[in-house]
């Protein structure tokens, strides 16, 4: 599953946009994620180990334990 993340220059996640779920399917949304001048927004796959936190209050603190790493055009979330 793809999520959008806002990160600072060091790759630290400062915000995220995660699709909502209803009856086991992704529902359309019209939200956006805008970064300040010192931040960037990327789309990345949600790590498999975070799937258990979807729809729970535990997702945000767990997601903050990750950072964005860019290798060419590929963007990944890696645990700090």
N, C-alpha and C. Protein backbone atom coordinates (compact mmCIF):
# COMPACT_ATOMS: atom_id res chain seq x y z
N UNK A 1 0.83 -1.16 0.00
CA UNK A 1 0.00 0.00 0.00
C UNK A 1 0.89 1.24 0.00
N UNK A 2 0.54 2.20 -0.83
CA UNK A 2 1.30 3.44 -0.93
C UNK A 2 0.77 4.47 0.07
N UNK A 3 1.70 5.20 0.67
CA UNK A 3 1.34 6.33 1.53
C UNK A 3 2.16 7.53 1.09
N UNK A 4 1.68 8.70 1.41
CA UNK A 4 2.44 9.92 1.13
C UNK A 4 3.03 10.41 2.45
N UNK A 5 4.29 10.79 2.41
CA UNK A 5 4.95 11.28 3.62
C UNK A 5 5.64 12.61 3.34
N UNK A 6 5.56 13.50 4.30
CA UNK A 6 6.31 14.76 4.26
C UNK A 6 7.53 14.55 5.14
N UNK A 7 8.69 14.94 4.62
CA UNK A 7 9.94 14.74 5.36
C UNK A 7 10.76 16.03 5.36
N UNK A 8 11.61 16.16 6.39
CA UNK A 8 12.53 17.29 6.42
C UNK A 8 13.78 16.91 5.61
N UNK A 9 14.75 17.77 5.57
CA UNK A 9 15.94 17.55 4.74
C UNK A 9 16.75 16.34 5.16
N UNK A 10 16.63 15.91 6.42
CA UNK A 10 17.38 14.74 6.89
C UNK A 10 16.65 13.43 6.61
N UNK A 11 15.41 13.51 6.08
CA UNK A 11 14.64 12.31 5.80
C UNK A 11 13.70 11.92 6.93
N UNK A 12 13.65 12.71 7.99
CA UNK A 12 12.77 12.43 9.12
C UNK A 12 11.32 12.73 8.72
N UNK A 13 10.42 11.79 9.00
CA UNK A 13 9.01 11.96 8.66
C UNK A 13 8.39 12.99 9.59
N UNK A 14 7.73 13.99 9.01
CA UNK A 14 7.08 15.03 9.80
C UNK A 14 5.57 15.04 9.57
N UNK A 15 5.08 14.24 8.63
CA UNK A 15 3.65 14.15 8.36
C UNK A 15 3.38 13.01 7.39
N UNK A 16 2.14 12.51 7.38
CA UNK A 16 1.80 11.41 6.48
C UNK A 16 0.34 11.49 6.09
N UNK A 17 0.05 10.97 4.91
CA UNK A 17 -1.31 10.84 4.43
C UNK A 17 -1.51 9.38 4.09
N UNK A 18 -2.42 8.73 4.81
CA UNK A 18 -2.65 7.31 4.65
C UNK A 18 -4.09 7.11 4.23
N UNK A 19 -4.34 6.35 3.14
CA UNK A 19 -5.72 6.13 2.71
C UNK A 19 -6.58 5.51 3.81
N UNK A 20 -7.84 5.90 3.86
CA UNK A 20 -8.76 5.31 4.84
C UNK A 20 -9.31 4.01 4.28
N UNK A 21 -9.82 3.18 5.17
CA UNK A 21 -10.33 1.88 4.76
C UNK A 21 -11.80 1.74 5.16
N UNK A 22 -12.56 1.11 4.30
CA UNK A 22 -13.94 0.77 4.60
C UNK A 22 -14.21 -0.58 3.95
N UNK A 23 -14.64 -1.53 4.73
CA UNK A 23 -14.95 -2.88 4.25
C UNK A 23 -13.81 -3.44 3.40
N UNK A 24 -12.61 -3.36 3.93
CA UNK A 24 -11.41 -3.95 3.32
C UNK A 24 -11.08 -3.40 1.93
N UNK A 25 -11.45 -2.18 1.63
CA UNK A 25 -11.04 -1.59 0.37
C UNK A 25 -10.67 -0.12 0.61
N UNK A 26 -9.80 0.37 -0.21
CA UNK A 26 -9.38 1.76 -0.09
C UNK A 26 -10.50 2.64 -0.63
N UNK A 27 -10.87 3.66 0.13
CA UNK A 27 -11.92 4.57 -0.31
C UNK A 27 -11.29 5.82 -0.92
N UNK A 28 -11.97 6.41 -1.89
CA UNK A 28 -11.41 7.63 -2.50
C UNK A 28 -11.31 8.75 -1.47
N UNK A 29 -10.32 9.59 -1.62
CA UNK A 29 -10.19 10.73 -0.71
C UNK A 29 -9.79 11.95 -1.51
N UNK A 30 -10.04 13.11 -0.95
CA UNK A 30 -9.69 14.35 -1.64
C UNK A 30 -8.78 15.20 -0.77
N UNK A 31 -7.98 14.55 0.05
CA UNK A 31 -7.05 15.25 0.92
C UNK A 31 -5.71 15.42 0.20
N UNK A 32 -4.94 16.34 0.67
CA UNK A 32 -3.61 16.53 0.12
C UNK A 32 -2.61 16.71 1.23
N UNK A 33 -1.37 16.59 0.89
CA UNK A 33 -0.29 16.77 1.85
C UNK A 33 0.65 17.80 1.25
N UNK A 34 0.77 18.92 1.92
CA UNK A 34 1.61 20.00 1.41
C UNK A 34 2.78 20.21 2.36
N UNK A 35 3.94 20.36 1.78
CA UNK A 35 5.16 20.56 2.58
C UNK A 35 5.57 22.01 2.56
N UNK A 36 6.27 22.41 3.60
CA UNK A 36 6.84 23.77 3.64
C UNK A 36 8.06 23.80 2.73
N UNK A 37 8.67 24.94 2.60
CA UNK A 37 9.84 25.08 1.72
C UNK A 37 11.00 24.18 2.12
N UNK A 38 11.14 23.88 3.39
CA UNK A 38 12.27 23.07 3.85
C UNK A 38 11.93 21.58 3.91
N UNK A 39 10.75 21.20 3.40
CA UNK A 39 10.31 19.81 3.43
C UNK A 39 10.02 19.31 2.01
N UNK A 40 9.90 18.00 1.88
CA UNK A 40 9.55 17.36 0.61
C UNK A 40 8.46 16.34 0.87
N UNK A 41 7.67 16.03 -0.16
CA UNK A 41 6.63 15.01 -0.07
C UNK A 41 6.99 13.89 -1.03
N UNK A 42 6.92 12.65 -0.54
CA UNK A 42 7.21 11.48 -1.34
C UNK A 42 6.10 10.45 -1.18
N UNK A 43 5.98 9.57 -2.16
CA UNK A 43 5.07 8.44 -2.06
C UNK A 43 5.95 7.20 -1.87
N UNK A 44 5.58 6.38 -0.89
CA UNK A 44 6.38 5.18 -0.59
C UNK A 44 5.45 4.05 -0.17
N UNK A 45 5.95 2.83 -0.27
CA UNK A 45 5.18 1.67 0.20
C UNK A 45 5.24 1.63 1.72
N UNK A 46 4.10 1.36 2.33
CA UNK A 46 4.04 1.17 3.77
C UNK A 46 4.72 -0.15 4.10
N UNK A 47 5.71 -0.15 5.00
CA UNK A 47 6.37 -1.41 5.36
C UNK A 47 5.36 -2.43 5.91
N UNK A 48 5.55 -3.68 5.54
CA UNK A 48 4.64 -4.76 5.94
C UNK A 48 4.44 -4.81 7.46
N UNK A 49 5.49 -4.52 8.22
CA UNK A 49 5.38 -4.62 9.68
C UNK A 49 4.46 -3.54 10.27
N UNK A 50 4.08 -2.53 9.48
CA UNK A 50 3.17 -1.49 9.98
C UNK A 50 1.71 -1.77 9.63
N UNK A 51 1.45 -2.78 8.83
CA UNK A 51 0.07 -3.09 8.44
C UNK A 51 -0.81 -3.39 9.66
N UNK A 52 -0.25 -4.01 10.69
CA UNK A 52 -1.03 -4.35 11.89
C UNK A 52 -1.53 -3.10 12.62
N UNK A 53 -0.94 -1.94 12.34
CA UNK A 53 -1.31 -0.70 13.01
C UNK A 53 -2.33 0.13 12.23
N UNK A 54 -2.67 -0.30 11.00
CA UNK A 54 -3.63 0.45 10.19
C UNK A 54 -4.96 0.57 10.91
N UNK A 55 -5.51 1.77 10.92
CA UNK A 55 -6.80 2.01 11.57
C UNK A 55 -6.72 2.11 13.08
N UNK A 56 -5.51 2.12 13.63
CA UNK A 56 -5.34 2.20 15.08
C UNK A 56 -4.54 3.43 15.45
N UNK A 57 -4.66 3.84 16.69
CA UNK A 57 -3.91 5.01 17.18
C UNK A 57 -2.42 4.74 17.26
N UNK A 58 -2.01 3.50 17.14
CA UNK A 58 -0.60 3.15 17.25
C UNK A 58 0.18 3.41 15.97
N UNK A 59 -0.50 3.69 14.85
CA UNK A 59 0.20 3.86 13.59
C UNK A 59 1.12 5.08 13.60
N UNK A 60 0.64 6.22 14.05
CA UNK A 60 1.46 7.44 14.02
C UNK A 60 2.76 7.29 14.81
N UNK A 61 2.72 6.84 16.07
CA UNK A 61 4.00 6.71 16.78
C UNK A 61 4.93 5.68 16.15
N UNK A 62 4.38 4.62 15.58
CA UNK A 62 5.22 3.61 14.93
C UNK A 62 5.83 4.16 13.64
N UNK A 63 5.05 4.92 12.87
CA UNK A 63 5.55 5.49 11.62
C UNK A 63 6.69 6.48 11.87
N UNK A 64 6.64 7.16 12.99
CA UNK A 64 7.69 8.13 13.31
C UNK A 64 9.03 7.46 13.64
N UNK A 65 9.03 6.15 13.78
CA UNK A 65 10.27 5.41 14.01
C UNK A 65 10.99 5.11 12.70
N UNK A 66 10.41 5.57 11.58
CA UNK A 66 10.97 5.33 10.26
C UNK A 66 11.46 6.63 9.65
N UNK A 67 12.25 6.50 8.61
CA UNK A 67 12.74 7.66 7.88
C UNK A 67 12.70 7.32 6.39
N UNK A 68 12.75 8.33 5.56
CA UNK A 68 12.74 8.14 4.12
C UNK A 68 14.17 8.07 3.61
N UNK A 69 14.42 7.09 2.76
CA UNK A 69 15.71 6.98 2.09
C UNK A 69 15.46 6.95 0.59
N UNK A 70 16.19 7.79 -0.14
CA UNK A 70 16.09 7.84 -1.59
C UNK A 70 17.33 7.23 -2.21
N UNK A 71 17.11 6.35 -3.16
CA UNK A 71 18.20 5.77 -3.94
C UNK A 71 17.78 5.89 -5.40
N UNK A 72 18.28 6.94 -6.05
CA UNK A 72 17.83 7.23 -7.41
C UNK A 72 16.37 7.68 -7.36
N UNK A 73 15.54 6.99 -8.12
CA UNK A 73 14.11 7.30 -8.12
C UNK A 73 13.33 6.52 -7.08
N UNK A 74 13.97 5.53 -6.46
CA UNK A 74 13.29 4.67 -5.49
C UNK A 74 13.29 5.32 -4.10
N UNK A 75 12.09 5.36 -3.48
CA UNK A 75 11.92 5.91 -2.14
C UNK A 75 11.45 4.78 -1.23
N UNK A 76 12.15 4.57 -0.13
CA UNK A 76 11.76 3.53 0.83
C UNK A 76 11.69 4.11 2.24
N UNK A 77 10.89 3.46 3.06
CA UNK A 77 10.83 3.80 4.48
C UNK A 77 11.67 2.78 5.22
N UNK A 78 12.64 3.25 5.99
CA UNK A 78 13.49 2.35 6.76
C UNK A 78 13.41 2.72 8.23
N UNK A 79 13.51 1.73 9.08
CA UNK A 79 13.44 1.97 10.52
C UNK A 79 14.71 2.67 11.00
N UNK A 80 14.51 3.67 11.86
CA UNK A 80 15.66 4.41 12.43
C UNK A 80 16.56 3.50 13.23
